[in-house]
């Protein structure tokens, strides 16, 4: 089944969205797949690194620019400028602390001005009221006995312009598309 019936995805352009959960980076990679260029912003103190080659199942690593900022304040300043400029259609921000309403609103205004899409990877429970949508992405075990790291459950837990819901999705590397999957037993 195609993901064409998945509401609020692909993410609405000129807006900032949020995703949390263990599958948040996978969600961001899938959101980045159709984009011509992606800016992925991280705080420099984070221990893990992002390997662009590891995202090659979703997008050409040459289309990905990874940048590090000293702290969240610098990260938000860079994100705001990138969103306002609009030269990069998707800006992904890995944030470590909750955004206040002012910070979230500034990002929304910048995204609207530049026509770019922002996606904040947030810790659980730290969403901004300014976000257009908030998703929770979790990997799920395939009950048929074949584990597939791309099988996920996406819960739309906030949506300013529509309904909420939950879907099982799988990225098809061969077809380079997102497929909806019926939960086990349905």
Protein backbone atom coordinates (compact mmCIF):
# COMPACT_ATOMS: atom_id res chain seq x y z
CA UNK A 1 0.00 0.00 0.00
CA UNK A 2 1.36 3.40 -0.93
CA UNK A 3 1.89 6.14 1.62
CA UNK A 4 -0.08 8.63 -0.50
CA UNK A 5 -2.90 8.40 2.04
CA UNK A 6 -0.60 9.29 4.96
CA UNK A 7 -1.82 12.69 6.18
CA UNK A 8 0.71 15.46 6.91
CA UNK A 9 3.51 13.58 5.13
CA UNK A 10 5.49 14.64 3.17
CA UNK A 11 5.96 17.44 5.65
CA UNK A 12 4.26 20.70 4.79
CA UNK A 13 6.78 23.15 3.31
CA UNK A 14 7.43 26.60 4.82
CA UNK A 15 6.76 25.16 8.28
CA UNK A 16 8.73 23.64 11.14
CA UNK A 17 7.85 20.15 12.34
CA UNK A 18 9.07 17.96 15.20
CA UNK A 19 9.83 14.27 15.65
CA UNK A 20 10.83 12.34 18.75
CA UNK A 21 11.50 8.72 19.58
CA UNK A 22 14.07 6.07 18.76
CA UNK A 23 13.22 6.27 15.04
CA UNK A 24 13.53 10.06 14.78
CA UNK A 25 16.68 9.98 12.64
CA UNK A 26 15.06 7.43 10.31
CA UNK A 27 12.01 9.68 10.02
CA UNK A 28 14.32 12.61 9.14
CA UNK A 29 16.16 10.51 6.55
CA UNK A 30 12.86 9.56 4.88
CA UNK A 31 11.72 13.20 4.94
CA UNK A 32 15.04 14.15 3.32
CA UNK A 33 14.83 11.54 0.54
CA UNK A 34 13.06 13.69 -2.10
CA UNK A 35 14.99 16.87 -1.28
CA UNK A 36 17.66 18.32 -3.56
CA UNK A 37 19.76 19.52 -0.60
CA UNK A 38 19.59 18.99 3.15
CA UNK A 39 21.30 20.84 5.99
CA UNK A 40 21.61 18.69 9.11
CA UNK A 41 22.55 20.69 12.22
CA UNK A 42 23.92 19.15 15.41
CA UNK A 43 25.46 20.37 18.61
CA UNK A 44 29.22 19.74 18.65
CA UNK A 45 29.21 18.12 22.08
CA UNK A 46 27.04 15.18 20.97
CA UNK A 47 29.05 11.95 21.18
CA UNK A 48 27.48 10.18 18.23
CA UNK A 49 28.37 11.31 14.75
CA UNK A 50 26.20 11.37 11.68
CA UNK A 51 27.66 9.39 8.79
CA UNK A 52 26.26 10.72 5.48
CA UNK A 53 27.15 7.44 3.74
CA UNK A 54 24.89 5.67 6.24
CA UNK A 55 21.97 7.64 4.80
CA UNK A 56 22.67 6.55 1.21
CA UNK A 57 19.59 4.28 1.18
CA UNK A 58 17.55 7.48 1.46
CA UNK A 59 19.52 10.21 -0.31
CA UNK A 60 22.79 10.85 -2.11
CA UNK A 61 25.34 11.80 0.59
CA UNK A 62 26.61 14.56 -1.72
CA UNK A 63 23.26 16.35 -1.17
CA UNK A 64 23.77 16.42 2.60
CA UNK A 65 25.62 19.13 4.49
CA UNK A 66 26.30 18.34 8.14
CA UNK A 67 27.18 21.27 10.40
CA UNK A 68 27.94 21.48 14.10
CA UNK A 69 27.23 24.37 16.42
CA UNK A 70 28.80 25.02 19.82
CA UNK A 71 25.48 24.96 21.67
CA UNK A 72 21.73 25.05 21.11
CA UNK A 73 21.66 28.85 20.94
CA UNK A 74 24.13 28.86 18.03
CA UNK A 75 22.32 25.93 16.42
CA UNK A 76 19.01 27.85 16.46
CA UNK A 77 20.68 30.96 15.00
CA UNK A 78 22.15 28.96 12.11
CA UNK A 79 18.84 27.16 11.54
CA UNK A 80 16.91 30.41 11.49
CA UNK A 81 19.26 31.90 8.88
CA UNK A 82 19.16 28.77 6.73
CA UNK A 83 15.36 28.58 6.86
CA UNK A 84 14.98 32.28 6.06
CA UNK A 85 17.41 32.03 3.13
CA UNK A 86 15.52 29.11 1.57
CA UNK A 87 18.53 27.87 -0.43
CA UNK A 88 18.26 24.50 1.33
CA UNK A 89 14.75 23.02 1.14
CA UNK A 90 15.09 20.98 4.35
CA UNK A 91 16.87 21.95 7.57
CA UNK A 92 17.12 19.20 10.20
CA UNK A 93 18.00 20.27 13.77
CA UNK A 94 19.01 17.85 16.49
CA UNK A 95 18.16 19.74 19.66
CA UNK A 96 18.82 18.74 23.26
CA UNK A 97 16.58 21.08 25.26
CA UNK A 98 13.01 22.26 24.93
CA UNK A 99 12.30 25.23 22.68
CA UNK A 100 10.35 28.04 24.23
CA UNK A 101 7.49 29.63 22.32
CA UNK A 102 9.66 32.54 21.17
CA UNK A 103 12.34 30.23 19.70
CA UNK A 104 9.76 28.02 18.03
CA UNK A 105 7.92 31.02 16.59
CA UNK A 106 11.16 32.53 15.23
CA UNK A 107 11.88 29.26 13.40
CA UNK A 108 8.32 29.19 11.99
CA UNK A 109 8.60 32.76 10.71
CA UNK A 110 11.98 32.03 9.13
CA UNK A 111 10.62 28.89 7.41
CA UNK A 112 7.65 30.84 6.08
CA UNK A 113 9.88 33.64 4.78
CA UNK A 114 12.25 31.26 2.98
CA UNK A 115 9.77 28.60 1.94
CA UNK A 116 11.98 25.93 3.50
CA UNK A 117 10.93 23.06 5.76
CA UNK A 118 12.38 22.64 9.24
CA UNK A 119 12.46 19.38 11.16
CA UNK A 120 13.49 19.36 14.82
CA UNK A 121 14.60 16.05 16.31
CA UNK A 122 13.53 16.54 19.91
CA UNK A 123 13.84 14.62 23.18
CA UNK A 124 10.59 12.99 24.36
CA UNK A 125 8.17 15.50 25.89
CA UNK A 126 10.09 18.61 24.82
CA UNK A 127 8.00 19.90 21.94
CA UNK A 128 7.30 23.52 21.08
CA UNK A 129 3.78 24.92 20.86
CA UNK A 130 4.84 26.58 17.60
CA UNK A 131 5.43 23.29 15.74
CA UNK A 132 3.10 22.55 12.81
CA UNK A 133 3.20 18.79 13.45
CA UNK A 134 4.83 16.54 16.02
CA UNK A 135 5.56 12.91 15.28
CA UNK A 136 6.77 10.02 17.38
CA UNK A 137 8.76 7.49 15.36
CA UNK A 138 9.56 4.10 16.85
CA UNK A 139 11.11 1.02 15.25
CA UNK A 140 8.94 -2.06 15.63
CA UNK A 141 9.72 -5.75 15.60
CA UNK A 142 8.35 -7.71 12.65
CA UNK A 143 6.29 -10.50 14.25
CA UNK A 144 6.78 -12.73 11.19
CA UNK A 145 10.34 -13.37 12.31
CA UNK A 146 12.25 -11.20 9.85
CA UNK A 147 13.62 -8.10 11.52
CA UNK A 148 13.73 -5.09 9.26
CA UNK A 149 15.24 -1.92 10.63
CA UNK A 150 13.07 0.18 8.36
CA UNK A 151 9.74 -1.05 9.78
CA UNK A 152 8.47 1.75 12.01
CA UNK A 153 5.39 3.01 13.78
CA UNK A 154 4.73 6.69 13.20
CA UNK A 155 2.32 8.43 15.55
CA UNK A 156 1.13 11.89 14.60
CA UNK A 157 0.68 13.34 18.09
CA UNK A 158 0.18 17.01 17.13
CA UNK A 159 -1.24 18.42 13.92
CA UNK A 160 -2.33 22.06 13.63
CA UNK A 161 -4.19 21.45 10.39
CA UNK A 162 -5.69 17.99 10.57
CA UNK A 163 -6.32 14.81 12.47
CA UNK A 164 -4.01 12.61 14.51
CA UNK A 165 -3.25 8.94 13.94
CA UNK A 166 -0.77 6.09 13.92
CA UNK A 167 0.68 4.14 10.99
CA UNK A 168 3.11 1.32 10.41
CA UNK A 169 5.48 2.32 7.63
CA UNK A 170 8.43 0.77 5.82
CA UNK A 171 11.00 2.43 3.58
CA UNK A 172 11.45 0.53 0.32
CA UNK A 173 15.09 1.03 -0.63
CA UNK A 174 14.61 -0.54 -4.07
CA UNK A 175 11.62 1.62 -4.99
CA UNK A 176 12.85 4.63 -2.95
CA UNK A 177 9.43 5.20 -1.45
CA UNK A 178 7.55 4.95 1.81
CA UNK A 179 4.97 2.17 2.08
CA UNK A 180 2.17 1.81 4.61
CA UNK A 181 2.17 -1.63 6.22
CA UNK A 182 -0.79 -3.31 7.90
CA UNK A 183 -0.05 -4.10 11.55
CA UNK A 184 0.40 -7.80 12.29
CA UNK A 185 -2.91 -9.65 12.49
CA UNK A 186 -4.86 -7.16 10.36
